[in-house]
């Protein structure tokens, strides 16, 4: 995602705290390299966690990242639907609406 497309608050945090954000970026790289899951699966897992904590920004981010890693819109929707019995329909519905915003931009 281009810098100008980042949420304004996120770009500000990156600008004001580059060391912290570089460490956060490095942590993300390290944990993805540590195990056998491919990037697509890793982002689908992170998408599910984002939905579980009802983080709209993280859902948006992981939908974009999952798409870039090769996930289909059907896989993204299924990853969220799988959560219905765990986190409940209202949380899943919210996450689906946030995911749909990104899926529409990507199509």
C-alpha atoms as a PDB file:
ATOM      1  CA  UNK A   1       0.000   0.000   0.000  1.00  0.00           C
ATOM      2  CA  UNK A   2       1.421   3.377  -0.945  1.00  0.00           C
ATOM      3  CA  UNK A   3       2.264   5.735   1.908  1.00  0.00           C
ATOM      4  CA  UNK A   4      -0.432   8.218   0.845  1.00  0.00           C
ATOM      5  CA  UNK A   5      -3.057   5.461   1.161  1.00  0.00           C
ATOM      6  CA  UNK A   6      -2.182   4.645   4.766  1.00  0.00           C
ATOM      7  CA  UNK A   7      -4.605   5.901   7.408  1.00  0.00           C
ATOM      8  CA  UNK A   8      -3.468   9.342   8.495  1.00  0.00           C
ATOM      9  CA  UNK A   9      -2.977   8.342  12.140  1.00  0.00           C
ATOM     10  CA  UNK A  10      -0.866   5.332  11.122  1.00  0.00           C
ATOM     11  CA  UNK A  11       1.347   7.393   8.827  1.00  0.00           C
ATOM     12  CA  UNK A  12       1.804   9.898  11.675  1.00  0.00           C
ATOM     13  CA  UNK A  13       2.851   7.162  14.108  1.00  0.00           C
ATOM     14  CA  UNK A  14       5.306   5.780  11.529  1.00  0.00           C
ATOM     15  CA  UNK A  15       6.754   9.264  11.041  1.00  0.00           C
ATOM     16  CA  UNK A  16       7.001  10.183  14.729  1.00  0.00           C
ATOM     17  CA  UNK A  17       8.192   6.787  15.982  1.00  0.00           C
ATOM     18  CA  UNK A  18      10.235   5.187  13.203  1.00  0.00           C
ATOM     19  CA  UNK A  19      12.296   3.020  15.545  1.00  0.00           C
ATOM     20  CA  UNK A  20       9.247   1.484  17.165  1.00  0.00           C
ATOM     21  CA  UNK A  21       7.587   0.876  13.817  1.00  0.00           C
ATOM     22  CA  UNK A  22      10.764  -0.636  12.343  1.00  0.00           C
ATOM     23  CA  UNK A  23      10.922  -3.019  15.304  1.00  0.00           C
ATOM     24  CA  UNK A  24       7.252  -3.898  14.845  1.00  0.00           C
ATOM     25  CA  UNK A  25       7.829  -4.557  11.129  1.00  0.00           C
ATOM     26  CA  UNK A  26      10.856  -6.740  11.953  1.00  0.00           C
ATOM     27  CA  UNK A  27       8.823  -8.700  14.503  1.00  0.00           C
ATOM     28  CA  UNK A  28       6.170  -9.399  11.875  1.00  0.00           C
ATOM     29  CA  UNK A  29       8.794 -10.667   9.455  1.00  0.00           C
ATOM     30  CA  UNK A  30      10.415 -12.822  12.143  1.00  0.00           C
ATOM     31  CA  UNK A  31       7.213 -14.530  13.270  1.00  0.00           C
ATOM     32  CA  UNK A  32       6.155 -15.287   9.684  1.00  0.00           C
ATOM     33  CA  UNK A  33       9.567 -16.855   8.958  1.00  0.00           C
ATOM     34  CA  UNK A  34       9.546 -18.886  12.171  1.00  0.00           C
ATOM     35  CA  UNK A  35       6.970 -21.457  11.142  1.00  0.00           C
ATOM     36  CA  UNK A  36       5.690 -23.535   8.284  1.00  0.00           C
ATOM     37  CA  UNK A  37       2.605 -21.472   7.384  1.00  0.00           C
ATOM     38  CA  UNK A  38       2.749 -19.717   4.035  1.00  0.00           C
ATOM     39  CA  UNK A  39       2.073 -15.978   3.772  1.00  0.00           C
ATOM     40  CA  UNK A  40      -1.495 -16.445   2.598  1.00  0.00           C
ATOM     41  CA  UNK A  41      -2.402 -18.710   5.508  1.00  0.00           C
ATOM     42  CA  UNK A  42      -0.592 -16.444   7.970  1.00  0.00           C
ATOM     43  CA  UNK A  43      -2.612 -13.436   6.823  1.00  0.00           C
ATOM     44  CA  UNK A  44      -5.864 -15.400   6.993  1.00  0.00           C
ATOM     45  CA  UNK A  45      -5.015 -16.332  10.597  1.00  0.00           C
ATOM     46  CA  UNK A  46      -4.202 -12.695  11.368  1.00  0.00           C
ATOM     47  CA  UNK A  47      -7.424 -11.650   9.647  1.00  0.00           C
ATOM     48  CA  UNK A  48      -9.378 -13.976  11.922  1.00  0.00           C
ATOM     49  CA  UNK A  49      -7.634 -12.566  14.987  1.00  0.00           C
ATOM     50  CA  UNK A  50      -8.368  -9.036  13.783  1.00  0.00           C
ATOM     51  CA  UNK A  51     -12.047  -9.896  13.468  1.00  0.00           C
ATOM     52  CA  UNK A  52     -12.040 -11.469  16.930  1.00  0.00           C
ATOM     53  CA  UNK A  53     -10.760  -8.260  18.516  1.00  0.00           C
ATOM     54  CA  UNK A  54     -13.089  -6.184  16.306  1.00  0.00           C
ATOM     55  CA  UNK A  55     -10.249  -4.132  14.840  1.00  0.00           C
ATOM     56  CA  UNK A  56     -11.553  -2.535  11.670  1.00  0.00           C
ATOM     57  CA  UNK A  57      -8.143  -1.227  10.637  1.00  0.00           C
ATOM     58  CA  UNK A  58      -6.486  -4.607  11.123  1.00  0.00           C
ATOM     59  CA  UNK A  59      -9.247  -6.368   9.159  1.00  0.00           C
ATOM     60  CA  UNK A  60      -8.726  -3.913   6.299  1.00  0.00           C
ATOM     61  CA  UNK A  61      -4.957  -4.413   6.456  1.00  0.00           C
ATOM     62  CA  UNK A  62      -5.040  -8.202   6.543  1.00  0.00           C
ATOM     63  CA  UNK A  63      -7.599  -8.430   3.746  1.00  0.00           C
ATOM     64  CA  UNK A  64      -5.234  -6.383   1.567  1.00  0.00           C
ATOM     65  CA  UNK A  65      -2.246  -8.459   2.650  1.00  0.00           C
ATOM     66  CA  UNK A  66      -4.077 -11.758   2.164  1.00  0.00           C
ATOM     67  CA  UNK A  67      -5.079 -10.696  -1.335  1.00  0.00           C
ATOM     68  CA  UNK A  68      -1.476  -9.766  -2.159  1.00  0.00           C
ATOM     69  CA  UNK A  69      -0.388 -13.165  -0.796  1.00  0.00           C
ATOM     70  CA  UNK A  70      -2.751 -14.913  -3.216  1.00  0.00           C
ATOM     71  CA  UNK A  71      -5.934 -15.420  -1.192  1.00  0.00           C
ATOM     72  CA  UNK A  72      -9.180 -15.301  -3.115  1.00  0.00           C
ATOM     73  CA  UNK A  73     -12.157 -13.284  -1.958  1.00  0.00           C
ATOM     74  CA  UNK A  74     -13.898 -16.609  -1.271  1.00  0.00           C
ATOM     75  CA  UNK A  75     -11.068 -17.711   1.044  1.00  0.00           C
ATOM     76  CA  UNK A  76     -11.191 -14.406   2.894  1.00  0.00           C
ATOM     77  CA  UNK A  77     -14.951 -14.617   3.398  1.00  0.00           C
ATOM     78  CA  UNK A  78     -14.683 -18.265   4.464  1.00  0.00           C
ATOM     79  CA  UNK A  79     -11.946 -17.448   7.001  1.00  0.00           C
ATOM     80  CA  UNK A  80     -14.342 -14.956   8.565  1.00  0.00           C
ATOM     81  CA  UNK A  81     -17.424 -17.186   8.370  1.00  0.00           C
ATOM     82  CA  UNK A  82     -15.517 -19.903  10.234  1.00  0.00           C
ATOM     83  CA  UNK A  83     -15.569 -17.616  13.260  1.00  0.00           C
ATOM     84  CA  UNK A  84     -19.365 -17.507  13.684  1.00  0.00           C
ATOM     85  CA  UNK A  85     -19.487 -20.237  16.328  1.00  0.00           C
ATOM     86  CA  UNK A  86     -16.462 -18.798  18.117  1.00  0.00           C
ATOM     87  CA  UNK A  87     -16.969 -15.022  18.210  1.00  0.00           C
ATOM     88  CA  UNK A  88     -20.632 -14.732  17.206  1.00  0.00           C
ATOM     89  CA  UNK A  89     -22.516 -13.440  14.216  1.00  0.00           C
ATOM     90  CA  UNK A  90     -22.465  -9.720  15.119  1.00  0.00           C
ATOM     91  CA  UNK A  91     -18.649  -9.656  15.217  1.00  0.00           C
ATOM     92  CA  UNK A  92     -18.393 -11.719  12.035  1.00  0.00           C
ATOM     93  CA  UNK A  93     -20.935  -9.510  10.298  1.00  0.00           C
ATOM     94  CA  UNK A  94     -18.935  -6.409  11.174  1.00  0.00           C
ATOM     95  CA  UNK A  95     -15.709  -8.031   9.942  1.00  0.00           C
ATOM     96  CA  UNK A  96     -17.389  -9.130   6.715  1.00  0.00           C
ATOM     97  CA  UNK A  97     -18.539  -5.571   6.057  1.00  0.00           C
ATOM     98  CA  UNK A  98     -15.011  -4.244   6.623  1.00  0.00           C
ATOM     99  CA  UNK A  99     -13.536  -6.984   4.420  1.00  0.00           C
ATOM    100  CA  UNK A 100     -16.067  -6.228   1.697  1.00  0.00           C
ATOM    101  CA  UNK A 101     -14.856  -2.623   1.552  1.00  0.00           C
ATOM    102  CA  UNK A 102     -11.362  -3.852   0.680  1.00  0.00           C
ATOM    103  CA  UNK A 103     -12.603  -6.553  -1.678  1.00  0.00           C
ATOM    104  CA  UNK A 104     -14.597  -3.965  -3.632  1.00  0.00           C
ATOM    105  CA  UNK A 105     -11.534  -1.716  -3.909  1.00  0.00           C
ATOM    106  CA  UNK A 106      -9.483  -4.656  -5.185  1.00  0.00           C
ATOM    107  CA  UNK A 107     -11.951  -5.701  -7.870  1.00  0.00           C
END
